[in-house]
Structure formats: structure tokens, C-alpha cells
Amino acid sequence: MFNTIGIITKPNDKKSKDTAKELSLFIEDQGVGVVIDVQQIAEQADLIIVVGGDGSLLNTARNFVDKNIPILGINLGRLGFLADVPVSNMFEIVAKVLDGEFTKEKRCLLNCQIEENNKVSSEFLAFNDVVLHRKETLRMIEFEVFIGDKFLSTQRADGIIVTTPTGSTAYALSSGGPIMHPGVNAIGIVSICPHTMSHRPLLIPSNEEVTIRVIDIIGPPTIAEESASLSFDGQTTISIERGQKIRVQQHSNFVHLLHPKNYDYYEIIRSKLHWSKKLL
């Protein structure tokens, strides 16, 4: 089923590297090649195994989405919404995956372009979410939101989240957004601490483009901070100035995640969010 497997570890993490070494030996014993160099993975691998947590898998998804290489996650983290193979039985599950016993699903990413004076100044990908938020001050951000060419609203808030279904269980969830099944073909928009309580989360079709224009950074004049922040999956952050536009739309390619044959999304949600737990 797979001829060459790329293994990616969590940077500067001994447990991740030790686990990856054991896994590499096991895979090679099955007669399958292993590569660990990023360039070799991009050119040769027909499966990527990420040994880490969801953060490592998010980073891998962004880096390799356009290579169309399926990804399997070995969970060394605490949550494991994405990396769902436990270390305790990773050999058993990986062996089954090598034999073709797995569940495969595709998940979308977001493409984000930053515009200034009608020119694209930078571009980023996000697997979970694109988040406009205030910096470490008490200032609010005033911004406009458009869906396609239609005006949606002007808001004053701590920020706004544009999320994929995958990211609906991340920052968007803690900000009051809905949980979206990964198969839902939608983009979520969730305000962060809006000044007007009537603002509510909104789901839009996945083929729509969301445009956010920063109007003002509101706060005491003694505070020198004059810019907001824009984060991608909580892993990359840049500064956003007044007047800049943020254009977000679904990326053209999808990430293909592999899961054990008995994968159950609802069981993962139930377990991680402690639903159905007996009350004392």
C-alpha cells in the first residue's frame, strides 16, 4: 500500500524523537522505506506519520497540503483531536495501515491574503483558524466584515475568528462558536468578546470569501500600541495596521488524514469534552 513513509517529529522533544526511532525500525522491518528529511519527504513519501500532538500535525498539514500526501498522527499530546493514534498501540495500528486497513478523510484549509493599497503583501495557510485579535493591551479593534461582495457588519471587539470545521473545536469553541463536523462544507465566523451582544457566530458556504478591514484600534491615547495581530493556527503571528484588508477563503487543496479503521469522530468529541460523564 505504501512504499516510503516520511516521519516528522516535534522539534526539540526527546520523547517524540525516541518514539519516532522505534517506529522507524518497526516500519523498516515491514519492508517499507523511511525518510525523515523534509525535502525527501516532499519528493518521495506516499504517507507521512507525525509523532507529536495536534500542533505538530497542524504544522505538517500546512507544509504538505499541496503535495497531496496522506497524514497519520501519533498522539504524544494531551488533546489529540487530530493526532488520534495512541502510542500504546501504535505498532498494531501502523501495521494495519500498511495493510490498507484505515479510514481516510479530507479536510480543508484556509488561504489568507493580506492586502495594502489593493496589493497582496503576504499570504498564509491555516488548518484551524485565522484570528484577528488585539495585542497585549485593553484596546478593542474596530473592523468591517464582508462576505463576498456583500457587507456583513461593522464590529468593535477583541477580535474575530475565521475557522474551518477542524478549527471549530479550537479557539472558536472557547469563544462560543458551534462544533462543526469535518464533513461540513462551511466556514465559521466567530467574534471575540464583541462590544455588541447581538453578534453571534455565523456559518457561510465554503466557496465564499471573507474580507475583514481594520478601521481603528480603540483605546486610551496614552497607549502606544497602534496595531492588531493576525494569527494562523496560533503558531504564526503578524502585525496588522489600520486600513489593511484580510481576505480569507478555502484553500484549493485538501489535507487527507488517515485514521484507524474504527475511527469515530463523535467518540473523540465525547471523550475530549467529557460529554456523558457521570455527575457526582
C-alpha atoms as a PDB file:
ATOM      1  CA  MET A   1       0.000   0.000   0.000  1.00  0.00           C
ATOM      2  CA  PHE A   2       2.830   2.421   0.902  1.00  0.00           C
ATOM      3  CA  ASN A   3       6.418   2.256  -0.332  1.00  0.00           C
ATOM      4  CA  THR A   4       8.047   5.160   1.527  1.00  0.00           C
ATOM      5  CA  ILE A   5       6.927   6.750   4.768  1.00  0.00           C
ATOM      6  CA  GLY A   6       8.067  10.143   5.978  1.00  0.00           C
ATOM      7  CA  ILE A   7       8.279  10.583   9.742  1.00  0.00           C
ATOM      8  CA  ILE A   8       8.034  14.036  11.294  1.00  0.00           C
ATOM      9  CA  THR A   9       8.753  14.712  14.964  1.00  0.00           C
ATOM     10  CA  LYS A  10       8.044  17.524  17.382  1.00  0.00           C
ATOM     11  CA  PRO A  11      11.080  19.861  17.405  1.00  0.00           C
ATOM     12  CA  ASN A  12      13.393  19.596  20.414  1.00  0.00           C
ATOM     13  CA  ASP A  13      11.283  16.881  22.036  1.00  0.00           C
ATOM     14  CA  LYS A  14      13.162  13.791  23.252  1.00  0.00           C
ATOM     15  CA  LYS A  15      10.062  11.634  23.676  1.00  0.00           C
ATOM     16  CA  SER A  16       8.960  12.407  20.149  1.00  0.00           C
ATOM     17  CA  LYS A  17      12.363  11.576  18.669  1.00  0.00           C
ATOM     18  CA  ASP A  18      12.737   8.365  20.705  1.00  0.00           C
ATOM     19  CA  THR A  19       9.252   7.219  19.706  1.00  0.00           C
ATOM     20  CA  ALA A  20       9.964   8.036  16.059  1.00  0.00           C
ATOM     21  CA  LYS A  21      13.167   5.994  16.177  1.00  0.00           C
ATOM     22  CA  GLU A  22      11.283   2.944  17.474  1.00  0.00           C
ATOM     23  CA  LEU A  23       8.586   3.433  14.867  1.00  0.00           C
ATOM     24  CA  SER A  24      11.163   3.771  12.062  1.00  0.00           C
ATOM     25  CA  LEU A  25      12.742   0.434  12.967  1.00  0.00           C
ATOM     26  CA  PHE A  26       9.330  -1.227  13.064  1.00  0.00           C
ATOM     27  CA  ILE A  27       8.351   0.163   9.646  1.00  0.00           C
ATOM     28  CA  GLU A  28      11.637  -0.882   8.072  1.00  0.00           C
ATOM     29  CA  ASP A  29      11.111  -4.390   9.473  1.00  0.00           C
ATOM     30  CA  GLN A  30       7.881  -4.462   7.449  1.00  0.00           C
ATOM     31  CA  GLY A  31       9.906  -3.854   4.283  1.00  0.00           C
ATOM     32  CA  VAL A  32       8.853  -0.230   3.884  1.00  0.00           C
ATOM     33  CA  GLY A  33      11.299   2.652   3.419  1.00  0.00           C
ATOM     34  CA  VAL A  34      11.556   5.565   5.870  1.00  0.00           C
ATOM     35  CA  VAL A  35      12.705   9.151   5.225  1.00  0.00           C
ATOM     36  CA  ILE A  36      12.988  11.980   7.744  1.00  0.00           C
ATOM     37  CA  ASP A  37      14.430  14.842   5.697  1.00  0.00           C
ATOM     38  CA  VAL A  38      11.766  17.388   4.739  1.00  0.00           C
ATOM     39  CA  GLN A  39      12.874  17.584   1.115  1.00  0.00           C
ATOM     40  CA  GLN A  40      12.963  13.802   0.785  1.00  0.00           C
ATOM     41  CA  ILE A  41       9.523  13.543   2.370  1.00  0.00           C
ATOM     42  CA  ALA A  42       8.118  16.027  -0.147  1.00  0.00           C
ATOM     43  CA  GLU A  43       9.687  14.166  -3.090  1.00  0.00           C
ATOM     44  CA  GLN A  44       9.451  10.500  -2.056  1.00  0.00           C
ATOM     45  CA  ALA A  45       6.916   9.838   0.699  1.00  0.00           C
ATOM     46  CA  ASP A  46       3.457   8.443  -0.046  1.00  0.00           C
ATOM     47  CA  LEU A  47       2.480   8.632   3.639  1.00  0.00           C
ATOM     48  CA  ILE A  48       3.540  10.981   6.452  1.00  0.00           C
ATOM     49  CA  ILE A  49       3.415   9.911  10.082  1.00  0.00           C
ATOM     50  CA  VAL A  50       3.556  12.771  12.584  1.00  0.00           C
ATOM     51  CA  VAL A  51       4.874  11.782  16.014  1.00  0.00           C
ATOM     52  CA  GLY A  52       3.727  14.556  18.331  1.00  0.00           C
ATOM     53  CA  GLY A  53       0.496  16.341  19.153  1.00  0.00           C
ATOM     54  CA  ASP A  54      -2.077  18.332  17.258  1.00  0.00           C
ATOM     55  CA  GLY A  55       0.320  21.279  16.966  1.00  0.00           C
ATOM     56  CA  SER A  56       2.843  19.186  15.067  1.00  0.00           C
ATOM     57  CA  LEU A  57       0.119  17.869  12.795  1.00  0.00           C
ATOM     58  CA  LEU A  58      -1.199  21.377  12.094  1.00  0.00           C
ATOM     59  CA  ASN A  59       2.256  22.482  11.007  1.00  0.00           C
ATOM     60  CA  THR A  60       2.721  19.392   8.832  1.00  0.00           C
ATOM     61  CA  ALA A  61      -0.674  19.868   7.176  1.00  0.00           C
ATOM     62  CA  ARG A  62       0.156  23.437   6.165  1.00  0.00           C
ATOM     63  CA  ASN A  63       3.582  22.476   4.841  1.00  0.00           C
ATOM     64  CA  PHE A  64       2.488  19.460   2.785  1.00  0.00           C
ATOM     65  CA  VAL A  65      -1.132  20.130   1.771  1.00  0.00           C
ATOM     66  CA  ASP A  66      -0.144  20.861  -1.827  1.00  0.00           C
ATOM     67  CA  LYS A  67       1.866  17.613  -2.060  1.00  0.00           C
ATOM     68  CA  ASN A  68      -1.296  15.511  -1.603  1.00  0.00           C
ATOM     69  CA  ILE A  69       0.425  13.120   0.836  1.00  0.00           C
ATOM     70  CA  PRO A  70      -1.890  11.490   3.422  1.00  0.00           C
ATOM     71  CA  ILE A  71      -1.047  12.083   7.087  1.00  0.00           C
ATOM     72  CA  LEU A  72      -1.358   9.823  10.146  1.00  0.00           C
ATOM     73  CA  GLY A  73      -0.892  11.273  13.642  1.00  0.00           C
ATOM     74  CA  ILE A  74       0.686   9.506  16.627  1.00  0.00           C
ATOM     75  CA  ASN A  75      -0.591  11.292  19.716  1.00  0.00           C
ATOM     76  CA  LEU A  76       2.001  12.446  22.258  1.00  0.00           C
ATOM     77  CA  GLY A  77      -0.041  15.494  23.236  1.00  0.00           C
ATOM     78  CA  ARG A  78      -2.918  15.975  25.660  1.00  0.00           C
ATOM     79  CA  LEU A  79      -5.877  16.611  23.378  1.00  0.00           C
ATOM     80  CA  GLY A  80      -5.478  14.576  20.231  1.00  0.00           C
ATOM     81  CA  PHE A  81      -8.389  15.852  18.131  1.00  0.00           C
ATOM     82  CA  LEU A  82      -6.223  15.311  15.038  1.00  0.00           C
ATOM     83  CA  ALA A  83      -3.392  13.007  16.136  1.00  0.00           C
ATOM     84  CA  ASP A  84      -5.576  10.162  17.323  1.00  0.00           C
ATOM     85  CA  VAL A  85      -3.296   7.094  17.357  1.00  0.00           C
ATOM     86  CA  PRO A  86      -2.142   6.377  20.927  1.00  0.00           C
ATOM     87  CA  VAL A  87       1.499   5.444  21.471  1.00  0.00           C
ATOM     88  CA  SER A  88       0.399   2.386  23.453  1.00  0.00           C
ATOM     89  CA  ASN A  89      -0.769   0.527  20.335  1.00  0.00           C
ATOM     90  CA  MET A  90       0.864   2.478  17.508  1.00  0.00           C
ATOM     91  CA  PHE A  91       2.690  -0.607  16.145  1.00  0.00           C
ATOM     92  CA  GLU A  92      -0.568  -2.513  15.796  1.00  0.00           C
ATOM     93  CA  ILE A  93      -2.368   0.375  14.105  1.00  0.00           C
ATOM     94  CA  VAL A  94       0.543   1.284  11.802  1.00  0.00           C
ATOM     95  CA  ALA A  95       0.793  -2.380  10.723  1.00  0.00           C
ATOM     96  CA  LYS A  96      -2.894  -2.331   9.803  1.00  0.00           C
ATOM     97  CA  VAL A  97      -2.470   0.960   7.940  1.00  0.00           C
ATOM     98  CA  LEU A  98       0.384  -0.568   5.933  1.00  0.00           C
ATOM     99  CA  ASP A  99      -2.005  -3.393   5.025  1.00  0.00           C
ATOM    100  CA  GLY A 100      -4.620  -0.922   3.836  1.00  0.00           C
ATOM    101  CA  GLU A 101      -6.866  -1.042   6.900  1.00  0.00           C
ATOM    102  CA  PHE A 102      -7.686   2.580   7.664  1.00  0.00           C
ATOM    103  CA  THR A 103     -10.285   5.324   7.354  1.00  0.00           C
ATOM    104  CA  LYS A 104      -9.438   8.270   5.119  1.00  0.00           C
ATOM    105  CA  GLU A 105     -10.995  11.720   5.189  1.00  0.00           C
ATOM    106  CA  LYS A 106     -10.240  15.050   3.571  1.00  0.00           C
ATOM    107  CA  ARG A 107     -10.148  18.312   5.488  1.00  0.00           C
ATOM    108  CA  CYS A 108      -9.987  21.862   4.216  1.00  0.00           C
ATOM    109  CA  LEU A 109      -7.539  24.644   4.972  1.00  0.00           C
ATOM    110  CA  LEU A 110      -7.908  28.406   4.721  1.00  0.00           C
ATOM    111  CA  ASN A 111      -5.861  30.652   2.468  1.00  0.00           C
ATOM    112  CA  CYS A 112      -5.329  34.153   3.846  1.00  0.00           C
ATOM    113  CA  GLN A 113      -4.048  37.132   1.885  1.00  0.00           C
ATOM    114  CA  ILE A 114      -3.082  40.466   3.448  1.00  0.00           C
ATOM    115  CA  GLU A 115      -3.775  43.464   1.230  1.00  0.00           C
ATOM    116  CA  GLU A 116      -2.448  47.003   1.462  1.00  0.00           C
ATOM    117  CA  ASN A 117      -3.289  49.633  -1.163  1.00  0.00           C
ATOM    118  CA  ASN A 118      -5.031  46.902  -3.200  1.00  0.00           C
ATOM    119  CA  LYS A 119      -1.838  44.843  -3.413  1.00  0.00           C
ATOM    120  CA  VAL A 120      -1.195  41.480  -1.736  1.00  0.00           C
ATOM    121  CA  SER A 121       1.667  41.938   0.710  1.00  0.00           C
ATOM    122  CA  SER A 122       1.722  38.440   2.253  1.00  0.00           C
ATOM    123  CA  GLU A 123      -0.078  35.101   2.168  1.00  0.00           C
ATOM    124  CA  PHE A 124      -0.559  32.327   4.742  1.00  0.00           C
ATOM    125  CA  LEU A 125      -2.321  28.998   5.228  1.00  0.00           C
ATOM    126  CA  ALA A 126      -4.304  27.872   8.274  1.00  0.00           C
ATOM    127  CA  PHE A 127      -5.665  24.423   9.096  1.00  0.00           C
ATOM    128  CA  ASN A 128      -7.636  25.532  12.168  1.00  0.00           C
ATOM    129  CA  ASP A 129      -8.264  29.242  12.001  1.00  0.00           C
ATOM    130  CA  VAL A 130      -7.292  32.758  11.044  1.00  0.00           C
ATOM    131  CA  VAL A 131      -7.652  35.048  14.075  1.00  0.00           C
ATOM    132  CA  LEU A 132      -7.600  38.839  14.172  1.00  0.00           C
ATOM    133  CA  HIS A 133      -7.019  39.878  17.783  1.00  0.00           C
ATOM    134  CA  ARG A 134      -5.767  42.712  19.925  1.00  0.00           C
ATOM    135  CA  LYS A 135      -2.245  42.756  21.224  1.00  0.00           C
ATOM    136  CA  GLU A 136      -1.434  42.726  24.917  1.00  0.00           C
ATOM    137  CA  THR A 137      -3.420  45.873  25.714  1.00  0.00           C
ATOM    138  CA  LEU A 138      -7.005  46.713  26.675  1.00  0.00           C
ATOM    139  CA  ARG A 139      -7.747  48.138  23.254  1.00  0.00           C
ATOM    140  CA  MET A 140     -10.625  46.958  21.092  1.00  0.00           C
ATOM    141  CA  ILE A 141     -10.444  46.615  17.328  1.00  0.00           C
ATOM    142  CA  GLU A 142     -12.986  48.226  15.018  1.00  0.00           C
ATOM    143  CA  PHE A 143     -13.347  46.384  11.725  1.00  0.00           C
ATOM    144  CA  GLU A 144     -15.674  45.747   8.797  1.00  0.00           C
ATOM    145  CA  VAL A 145     -16.627  42.287   7.572  1.00  0.00           C
ATOM    146  CA  PHE A 146     -17.717  41.417   4.038  1.00  0.00           C
ATOM    147  CA  ILE A 147     -18.909  38.062   2.667  1.00  0.00           C
ATOM    148  CA  GLY A 148     -18.018  38.035  -0.998  1.00  0.00           C
ATOM    149  CA  ASP A 149     -19.033  41.494  -2.219  1.00  0.00           C
ATOM    150  CA  LYS A 150     -21.808  41.818   0.385  1.00  0.00           C
ATOM    151  CA  PHE A 151     -21.331  43.939   3.510  1.00  0.00           C
ATOM    152  CA  LEU A 152     -21.988  41.966   6.715  1.00  0.00           C
ATOM    153  CA  SER A 153     -21.213  44.232   9.666  1.00  0.00           C
ATOM    154  CA  THR A 154     -19.041  46.760  11.416  1.00  0.00           C
ATOM    155  CA  GLN A 155     -17.852  45.476  14.771  1.00  0.00           C
ATOM    156  CA  ARG A 156     -15.953  46.590  17.830  1.00  0.00           C
ATOM    157  CA  ALA A 157     -14.499  43.564  19.573  1.00  0.00           C
ATOM    158  CA  ASP A 158     -11.348  41.961  20.912  1.00  0.00           C
ATOM    159  CA  GLY A 159     -11.131  40.297  17.524  1.00  0.00           C
ATOM    160  CA  ILE A 160     -12.701  37.801  15.143  1.00  0.00           C
ATOM    161  CA  ILE A 161     -12.069  34.162  14.215  1.00  0.00           C
ATOM    162  CA  VAL A 162     -12.472  32.669  10.755  1.00  0.00           C
ATOM    163  CA  THR A 163     -12.448  28.913  11.231  1.00  0.00           C
ATOM    164  CA  THR A 164     -12.530  25.657   9.314  1.00  0.00           C
ATOM    165  CA  PRO A 165     -14.677  22.767  10.591  1.00  0.00           C
ATOM    166  CA  THR A 166     -11.452  21.297  12.009  1.00  0.00           C
ATOM    167  CA  GLY A 167     -10.760  24.509  13.929  1.00  0.00           C
ATOM    168  CA  SER A 168     -14.283  24.668  15.331  1.00  0.00           C
ATOM    169  CA  THR A 169     -13.077  22.686  18.375  1.00  0.00           C
ATOM    170  CA  ALA A 170     -10.171  25.100  18.973  1.00  0.00           C
ATOM    171  CA  TYR A 171     -10.281  28.844  19.789  1.00  0.00           C
ATOM    172  CA  ALA A 172     -13.677  29.233  18.120  1.00  0.00           C
ATOM    173  CA  LEU A 173     -15.239  26.763  20.561  1.00  0.00           C
ATOM    174  CA  SER A 174     -13.991  28.663  23.613  1.00  0.00           C
ATOM    175  CA  SER A 175     -15.371  31.863  22.054  1.00  0.00           C
ATOM    176  CA  GLY A 176     -18.872  30.415  21.794  1.00  0.00           C
ATOM    177  CA  GLY A 177     -18.763  29.046  18.267  1.00  0.00           C
ATOM    178  CA  PRO A 178     -20.511  25.844  17.148  1.00  0.00           C
ATOM    179  CA  ILE A 179     -18.786  22.491  16.688  1.00  0.00           C
ATOM    180  CA  MET A 180     -18.715  21.577  13.000  1.00  0.00           C
ATOM    181  CA  HIS A 181     -18.246  18.006  11.810  1.00  0.00           C
ATOM    182  CA  PRO A 182     -15.197  17.848   9.479  1.00  0.00           C
ATOM    183  CA  GLY A 183     -17.505  16.803   6.653  1.00  0.00           C
ATOM    184  CA  VAL A 184     -19.465  20.053   6.844  1.00  0.00           C
ATOM    185  CA  ASN A 185     -18.725  22.235   3.832  1.00  0.00           C
ATOM    186  CA  ALA A 186     -18.651  25.602   5.603  1.00  0.00           C
ATOM    187  CA  ILE A 187     -16.527  28.387   7.057  1.00  0.00           C
ATOM    188  CA  GLY A 188     -17.265  29.699  10.545  1.00  0.00           C
ATOM    189  CA  ILE A 189     -17.076  33.342  11.669  1.00  0.00           C
ATOM    190  CA  VAL A 190     -16.929  33.936  15.436  1.00  0.00           C
ATOM    191  CA  SER A 191     -16.495  37.301  17.174  1.00  0.00           C
ATOM    192  CA  ILE A 192     -14.218  37.521  20.231  1.00  0.00           C
ATOM    193  CA  CYS A 193     -15.831  39.457  23.086  1.00  0.00           C
ATOM    194  CA  PRO A 194     -17.908  41.727  20.811  1.00  0.00           C
ATOM    195  CA  HIS A 195     -18.940  45.107  22.207  1.00  0.00           C
ATOM    196  CA  THR A 196     -22.500  44.474  20.998  1.00  0.00           C
ATOM    197  CA  MET A 197     -24.047  41.341  22.470  1.00  0.00           C
ATOM    198  CA  SER A 198     -26.223  40.774  19.391  1.00  0.00           C
ATOM    199  CA  HIS A 199     -23.236  39.498  17.386  1.00  0.00           C
ATOM    200  CA  ARG A 200     -23.488  35.734  17.038  1.00  0.00           C
ATOM    201  CA  PRO A 201     -21.419  33.031  15.295  1.00  0.00           C
ATOM    202  CA  LEU A 202     -22.177  32.645  11.598  1.00  0.00           C
ATOM    203  CA  LEU A 203     -21.623  29.742   9.193  1.00  0.00           C
ATOM    204  CA  ILE A 204     -21.235  30.532   5.499  1.00  0.00           C
ATOM    205  CA  PRO A 205     -20.736  28.342   2.398  1.00  0.00           C
ATOM    206  CA  SER A 206     -17.157  27.202   1.907  1.00  0.00           C
ATOM    207  CA  ASN A 207     -16.915  28.828  -1.528  1.00  0.00           C
ATOM    208  CA  GLU A 208     -17.414  32.326  -0.084  1.00  0.00           C
ATOM    209  CA  GLU A 209     -14.578  34.772   0.610  1.00  0.00           C
ATOM    210  CA  VAL A 210     -14.419  36.613   3.932  1.00  0.00           C
ATOM    211  CA  THR A 211     -12.878  40.083   3.870  1.00  0.00           C
ATOM    212  CA  ILE A 212     -12.006  41.950   7.060  1.00  0.00           C
ATOM    213  CA  ARG A 213     -10.836  45.577   7.002  1.00  0.00           C
ATOM    214  CA  VAL A 214      -9.281  47.064  10.116  1.00  0.00           C
ATOM    215  CA  ILE A 215     -10.743  50.527  10.712  1.00  0.00           C
ATOM    216  CA  ASP A 216      -9.287  51.531  14.062  1.00  0.00           C
ATOM    217  CA  ILE A 217      -7.513  50.336  17.188  1.00  0.00           C
ATOM    218  CA  ILE A 218      -9.561  51.810  20.037  1.00  0.00           C
ATOM    219  CA  GLY A 219      -8.155  52.635  23.457  1.00  0.00           C
ATOM    220  CA  PRO A 220      -6.575  55.256  25.707  1.00  0.00           C
ATOM    221  CA  PRO A 221      -4.332  57.676  23.758  1.00  0.00           C
ATOM    222  CA  THR A 222      -1.513  57.067  26.223  1.00  0.00           C
ATOM    223  CA  ILE A 223      -1.112  53.505  24.953  1.00  0.00           C
ATOM    224  CA  ALA A 224       1.443  53.446  22.166  1.00  0.00           C
ATOM    225  CA  GLU A 225       0.146  50.239  20.591  1.00  0.00           C
ATOM    226  CA  GLU A 226      -1.179  51.127  17.153  1.00  0.00           C
ATOM    227  CA  SER A 227      -1.603  47.738  15.515  1.00  0.00           C
ATOM    228  CA  ALA A 228      -3.532  44.499  15.968  1.00  0.00           C
ATOM    229  CA  SER A 229      -2.318  40.932  15.477  1.00  0.00           C
ATOM    230  CA  LEU A 230      -3.258  38.259  12.980  1.00  0.00           C
ATOM    231  CA  SER A 231      -2.550  34.636  13.896  1.00  0.00           C
ATOM    232  CA  PHE A 232      -2.663  31.424  11.893  1.00  0.00           C
ATOM    233  CA  ASP A 233      -3.397  28.254  13.888  1.00  0.00           C
ATOM    234  CA  GLY A 234      -1.924  30.068  16.899  1.00  0.00           C
ATOM    235  CA  GLN A 235       1.541  29.252  15.540  1.00  0.00           C
ATOM    236  CA  THR A 236       2.391  32.220  13.317  1.00  0.00           C
ATOM    237  CA  THR A 237       1.519  35.827  14.168  1.00  0.00           C
ATOM    238  CA  ILE A 238       1.968  39.075  12.234  1.00  0.00           C
ATOM    239  CA  SER A 239       1.007  42.703  12.871  1.00  0.00           C
ATOM    240  CA  ILE A 240      -1.997  44.267  11.140  1.00  0.00           C
ATOM    241  CA  GLU A 241      -2.299  48.030  10.670  1.00  0.00           C
ATOM    242  CA  ARG A 242      -5.282  50.301  10.121  1.00  0.00           C
ATOM    243  CA  GLY A 243      -6.655  50.129   6.602  1.00  0.00           C
ATOM    244  CA  GLN A 244      -5.223  46.725   5.773  1.00  0.00           C
ATOM    245  CA  LYS A 245      -7.561  44.088   4.374  1.00  0.00           C
ATOM    246  CA  ILE A 246      -7.582  40.418   5.314  1.00  0.00           C
ATOM    247  CA  ARG A 247      -9.016  38.108   2.655  1.00  0.00           C
ATOM    248  CA  VAL A 248      -9.796  34.539   3.712  1.00  0.00           C
ATOM    249  CA  GLN A 249     -11.118  31.728   1.545  1.00  0.00           C
ATOM    250  CA  GLN A 250     -10.931  27.962   1.407  1.00  0.00           C
ATOM    251  CA  HIS A 251      -7.616  26.671   0.047  1.00  0.00           C
ATOM    252  CA  SER A 252      -7.775  24.891  -3.302  1.00  0.00           C
ATOM    253  CA  ASN A 253      -6.253  21.634  -1.989  1.00  0.00           C
ATOM    254  CA  PHE A 254      -7.273  19.412   0.912  1.00  0.00           C
ATOM    255  CA  VAL A 255      -5.365  17.559   3.631  1.00  0.00           C
ATOM    256  CA  HIS A 256      -6.025  13.811   3.656  1.00  0.00           C
ATOM    257  CA  LEU A 257      -5.960  12.375   7.178  1.00  0.00           C
ATOM    258  CA  LEU A 258      -5.721   8.661   7.902  1.00  0.00           C
ATOM    259  CA  HIS A 259      -7.335   7.165  10.999  1.00  0.00           C
ATOM    260  CA  PRO A 260      -7.662   3.673  12.475  1.00  0.00           C
ATOM    261  CA  LYS A 261     -10.400   1.579  10.856  1.00  0.00           C
ATOM    262  CA  ASN A 262     -12.680   2.012  13.878  1.00  0.00           C
ATOM    263  CA  TYR A 263     -12.293   5.827  13.916  1.00  0.00           C
ATOM    264  CA  ASP A 264     -15.303   7.552  15.463  1.00  0.00           C
ATOM    265  CA  TYR A 265     -15.340  11.365  15.389  1.00  0.00           C
ATOM    266  CA  TYR A 266     -18.217  11.551  17.853  1.00  0.00           C
ATOM    267  CA  GLU A 267     -16.404   9.329  20.342  1.00  0.00           C
ATOM    268  CA  ILE A 268     -13.397  11.672  20.201  1.00  0.00           C
ATOM    269  CA  ILE A 269     -15.605  14.716  20.788  1.00  0.00           C
ATOM    270  CA  ARG A 270     -17.435  12.956  23.602  1.00  0.00           C
ATOM    271  CA  SER A 271     -14.176  11.916  25.253  1.00  0.00           C
ATOM    272  CA  LYS A 272     -12.279  15.188  24.901  1.00  0.00           C
ATOM    273  CA  LEU A 273     -15.190  17.372  26.012  1.00  0.00           C
ATOM    274  CA  HIS A 274     -16.239  14.951  28.767  1.00  0.00           C
ATOM    275  CA  TRP A 275     -19.755  14.526  27.484  1.00  0.00           C
ATOM    276  CA  SER A 276     -21.861  11.768  29.116  1.00  0.00           C
ATOM    277  CA  LYS A 277     -19.579  11.792  32.142  1.00  0.00           C
ATOM    278  CA  LYS A 278     -21.368  10.692  35.289  1.00  0.00           C
ATOM    279  CA  LEU A 279     -22.104  13.510  37.706  1.00  0.00           C
ATOM    280  CA  LEU A 280     -21.041  13.135  41.324  1.00  0.00           C
END
